[in-house]
Protein backbone atom coordinates (compact mmCIF):
# COMPACT_ATOMS: atom_id res chain seq x y z
CA UNK A 1 87.81 68.02 7.25
CA UNK A 2 85.17 65.89 8.95
CA UNK A 3 82.78 68.88 9.14
CA UNK A 4 83.27 69.56 5.44
CA UNK A 5 82.48 65.94 4.61
CA UNK A 6 79.25 66.04 6.63
CA UNK A 7 78.25 69.33 4.98
CA UNK A 8 78.83 67.89 1.51
CA UNK A 9 76.79 64.81 2.42
CA UNK A 10 73.89 66.95 3.71
CA UNK A 11 73.90 69.07 0.53
CA UNK A 12 73.96 65.95 -1.63
CA UNK A 13 70.99 64.40 0.16
CA UNK A 14 68.94 67.61 0.19
CA UNK A 15 69.55 68.52 -3.46
CA UNK A 16 67.22 65.98 -5.14
CA UNK A 17 64.18 66.85 -2.95
CA UNK A 18 64.79 70.56 -3.56
CA UNK A 19 64.92 69.99 -7.32
CA UNK A 20 61.81 67.82 -7.21
CA UNK A 21 59.96 70.53 -5.29
CA UNK A 22 61.04 73.19 -7.80
CA UNK A 23 59.98 71.02 -10.75
CA UNK A 24 56.62 70.34 -9.11
CA UNK A 25 56.11 74.09 -8.62
CA UNK A 26 56.84 74.74 -12.32
CA UNK A 27 54.53 71.97 -13.53
CA UNK A 28 51.69 73.14 -11.31
CA UNK A 29 51.76 76.48 -13.14
CA UNK A 30 52.18 75.02 -16.64
CA UNK A 31 49.62 74.20 -19.32
CA UNK A 32 49.79 72.25 -22.57
CA UNK A 33 47.17 72.66 -25.30
CA UNK A 34 46.39 71.08 -28.67
CA UNK A 35 44.14 72.56 -31.36
CA UNK A 36 42.68 71.45 -34.69
CA UNK A 37 40.17 73.28 -36.85
CA UNK A 38 39.73 75.70 -39.76
CA UNK A 39 42.02 78.30 -41.30
CA UNK A 40 41.55 81.04 -43.86
CA UNK A 41 44.53 81.88 -46.10
CA UNK A 42 44.32 85.47 -47.32
CA UNK A 43 46.76 84.74 -50.17
CA UNK A 44 45.14 81.57 -51.54
CA UNK A 45 42.33 83.44 -53.29
CA UNK A 46 44.51 86.08 -54.90
CA UNK A 47 46.45 84.20 -57.58
CA UNK A 48 45.17 84.00 -61.15
CA UNK A 49 45.46 80.80 -63.16
CA UNK A 50 46.59 80.96 -66.78
CA UNK A 51 45.38 77.99 -68.82
CA UNK A 52 46.35 78.93 -72.40
CA UNK A 53 49.53 77.99 -74.20
CA UNK A 54 52.35 78.81 -74.79
CA UNK A 55 52.54 79.22 -70.96
CA UNK A 56 50.14 77.44 -68.61
CA UNK A 57 50.48 78.01 -64.86
CA UNK A 58 48.31 77.12 -61.89
CA UNK A 59 48.79 77.47 -58.15
CA UNK A 60 45.62 78.93 -56.66
CA UNK A 61 44.19 77.02 -53.69
CA UNK A 62 41.06 76.94 -51.59
CA UNK A 63 40.78 79.86 -49.18
CA UNK A 64 39.54 77.60 -46.37
CA UNK A 65 41.87 74.94 -45.08
CA UNK A 66 43.03 73.12 -41.96
CA UNK A 67 44.90 74.43 -38.93
CA UNK A 68 46.48 72.44 -36.12
CA UNK A 69 49.18 72.92 -33.53
CA UNK A 70 50.21 72.92 -29.90
CA UNK A 71 51.54 75.33 -27.28
CA UNK A 72 53.07 75.42 -23.82
CA UNK A 73 52.40 78.24 -21.34
CA UNK A 74 53.67 79.07 -17.86
CA UNK A 75 51.62 81.16 -15.46
CA UNK A 76 53.35 82.84 -12.51
CA UNK A 77 51.35 84.68 -9.87
CA UNK A 78 48.60 86.83 -11.35
CA UNK A 79 46.56 86.86 -14.56
CA UNK A 80 49.37 86.60 -17.11
CA UNK A 81 50.79 83.59 -18.97
CA UNK A 82 53.91 83.28 -21.12
CA UNK A 83 54.84 80.53 -23.53
CA UNK A 84 55.67 79.27 -26.99
CA UNK A 85 53.93 77.21 -29.65
CA UNK A 86 53.61 75.97 -33.20
CA UNK A 87 50.73 76.21 -35.68
CA UNK A 88 50.42 74.77 -39.19
CA UNK A 89 47.92 75.91 -41.83
CA UNK A 90 47.23 73.75 -44.89
CA UNK A 91 45.28 74.86 -47.99
CA UNK A 92 44.99 72.87 -51.20
CA UNK A 93 43.13 72.31 -54.46
CA UNK A 94 43.07 69.38 -56.90
CA UNK A 95 43.63 70.06 -60.60
CA UNK A 96 43.08 68.00 -63.74
CA UNK A 97 44.97 69.62 -66.63
CA UNK A 98 45.61 68.17 -70.11
CA UNK A 99 47.68 70.17 -72.59
CA UNK A 100 48.90 69.16 -76.04
CA UNK A 101 52.07 70.90 -77.14
CA UNK A 102 54.02 70.52 -80.37
CA UNK A 103 56.19 67.81 -78.81
CA UNK A 104 54.24 66.22 -75.94
CA UNK A 105 50.95 65.59 -74.20
CA UNK A 106 51.12 66.92 -70.63
CA UNK A 107 48.57 65.41 -68.26
CA UNK A 108 48.01 66.22 -64.58
CA UNK A 109 45.20 64.01 -63.25
CA UNK A 110 43.82 65.12 -59.85
CA UNK A 111 47.14 66.79 -59.07
CA UNK A 112 47.05 68.44 -55.65
CA UNK A 113 48.51 71.91 -55.12
CA UNK A 114 49.16 71.98 -51.36
CA UNK A 115 50.31 75.16 -49.65
CA UNK A 116 51.47 75.17 -46.02
CA UNK A 117 52.31 77.84 -43.46
CA UNK A 118 54.31 76.96 -40.35
CA UNK A 119 54.14 79.51 -37.52
CA UNK A 120 56.71 79.22 -34.70
CA UNK A 121 55.76 81.75 -32.04
CA UNK A 122 56.27 83.26 -28.60
CA UNK A 123 53.14 84.45 -26.85
CA UNK A 124 51.66 86.39 -23.96
CA UNK A 125 48.21 85.68 -22.51
CA UNK A 126 45.94 87.64 -20.20
CA UNK A 127 43.00 86.17 -18.25
CA UNK A 128 40.08 88.56 -18.62
CA UNK A 129 37.69 86.10 -16.97
CA UNK A 130 39.54 83.59 -14.79
CA UNK A 131 40.10 80.29 -16.67
CA UNK A 132 37.37 81.22 -19.19
CA UNK A 133 38.06 84.24 -21.42
CA UNK A 134 41.72 84.73 -22.32
CA UNK A 135 43.37 87.18 -24.70
CA UNK A 136 46.57 86.27 -26.54
CA UNK A 137 49.22 88.16 -28.51
CA UNK A 138 52.68 87.33 -29.74
CA UNK A 139 55.37 87.32 -32.41
CA UNK A 140 56.08 84.56 -34.92
CA UNK A 141 58.52 83.31 -37.50
CA UNK A 142 56.88 81.96 -40.65
CA UNK A 143 58.10 79.22 -42.98
CA UNK A 144 55.74 78.52 -45.86
CA UNK A 145 55.40 76.56 -49.11
CA UNK A 146 53.65 78.23 -52.06
CA UNK A 147 53.92 75.63 -54.86
CA UNK A 148 52.99 76.08 -58.48
CA UNK A 149 53.05 74.23 -61.80
CA UNK A 150 54.09 75.82 -65.09
CA UNK A 151 53.96 74.34 -68.60
CA UNK A 152 55.80 76.09 -71.43
CA UNK A 153 55.04 74.73 -74.88
CA UNK A 154 56.16 76.34 -78.12
CA UNK A 155 57.47 75.26 -81.51
CA UNK A 156 60.92 74.42 -80.14
CA UNK A 157 60.42 72.63 -76.83
CA UNK A 158 58.14 71.67 -73.94
CA UNK A 159 59.14 72.53 -70.37
CA UNK A 160 57.23 71.46 -67.25
CA UNK A 161 58.23 73.17 -63.98
CA UNK A 162 57.12 71.99 -60.53
CA UNK A 163 58.15 74.34 -57.73
CA UNK A 164 57.68 73.51 -54.06
CA UNK A 165 60.47 75.35 -52.25
CA UNK A 166 60.43 76.72 -48.69
CA UNK A 167 60.28 80.47 -48.21
CA UNK A 168 61.04 82.19 -44.91
CA UNK A 169 59.47 85.42 -43.71
CA UNK A 170 61.38 86.68 -40.71
CA UNK A 171 58.74 87.93 -38.28
CA UNK A 172 55.10 88.90 -37.86
CA UNK A 173 52.62 89.43 -35.04
CA UNK A 174 49.31 87.83 -34.09
CA UNK A 175 46.42 88.38 -31.70
CA UNK A 176 43.40 86.36 -30.65
CA UNK A 177 40.85 85.32 -28.06
CA UNK A 178 40.16 81.99 -26.35
CA UNK A 179 37.16 80.77 -24.40
CA UNK A 180 37.24 77.65 -22.20
CA UNK A 181 34.91 75.37 -20.29
CA UNK A 182 36.32 73.20 -17.51
CA UNK A 183 35.45 69.50 -17.62
CA UNK A 184 37.81 68.58 -14.79
CA UNK A 185 40.17 70.42 -12.48
CA UNK A 186 43.08 70.07 -14.88
CA UNK A 187 41.27 69.61 -18.22
CA UNK A 188 39.43 72.19 -20.34
CA UNK A 189 37.87 72.35 -23.79
CA UNK A 190 37.59 75.62 -25.64
CA UNK A 191 37.51 77.65 -28.84
CA UNK A 192 40.43 79.73 -30.10
CA UNK A 193 40.71 82.50 -32.70
CA UNK A 194 44.01 83.80 -34.08
CA UNK A 195 44.75 86.47 -36.69
CA UNK A 196 48.31 86.50 -38.13
CA UNK A 197 49.68 89.75 -39.56
CA UNK A 198 52.81 90.50 -41.63
CA UNK A 199 53.88 94.01 -42.66
CA UNK A 200 54.96 94.86 -46.21
CA UNK A 201 52.77 92.73 -48.53
CA UNK A 202 49.74 93.39 -50.71
CA UNK A 203 47.71 91.36 -48.22
CA UNK A 204 49.03 92.26 -44.76
CA UNK A 205 47.04 89.51 -43.06
CA UNK A 206 48.50 86.02 -43.46
CA UNK A 207 45.92 83.68 -41.94
CA UNK A 208 42.94 83.48 -39.64
CA UNK A 209 42.38 80.39 -37.48
CA UNK A 210 39.24 79.17 -35.74
CA UNK A 211 39.98 75.99 -33.84
CA UNK A 212 38.63 73.90 -30.94
CA UNK A 213 41.24 73.42 -28.20
CA UNK A 214 42.07 70.78 -25.58
CA UNK A 215 43.97 72.30 -22.66
CA UNK A 216 45.70 70.37 -19.88
CA UNK A 217 47.05 71.89 -16.67
CA UNK A 218 50.08 69.89 -15.53
CA UNK A 219 49.09 69.58 -11.85
């Protein structure tokens, strides 16, 4: 009984240092990065705008927008990294539309149509040039907003519809390259490119991102 008590006490005292050592080992191989820059939406340019009654609709946006996000990666021994991340693309355009129907005057003054794409992804990275040139590929789940405005005006009624619902596309794939310059041992600045692809649409490519990156190694 006494031996069992001493053994339990030794295990209890040695457990926290062992966990701390394991956590330190994981952090020393982990990186956290943040990016902000430009995006190109392949769908934003492809929607026509109808501006004549009885039905007026508009939802086209600028092709070039903003992209920002973050990601975590873990690098075991070797040249490979594994991780997860999030990226958000935003494209918009401001409209001023005035329409007189039989029953009402409809006025949108500098109304902003704002489309968003949220990519939640798992990724794999490969160091082609150590800590400088890195290739990336992965799979993503996409949630996006594709809003539009529609005005229906005829001799009987006037209907204004504003739609801004969330649509989910199950999965897609992406690939890209990253180049970094080390400022300190655990801090790098770089440039990242990503091309997102979804099968089964008129435009198979979703978005292209070109963003500066801040990368921290958790050492």
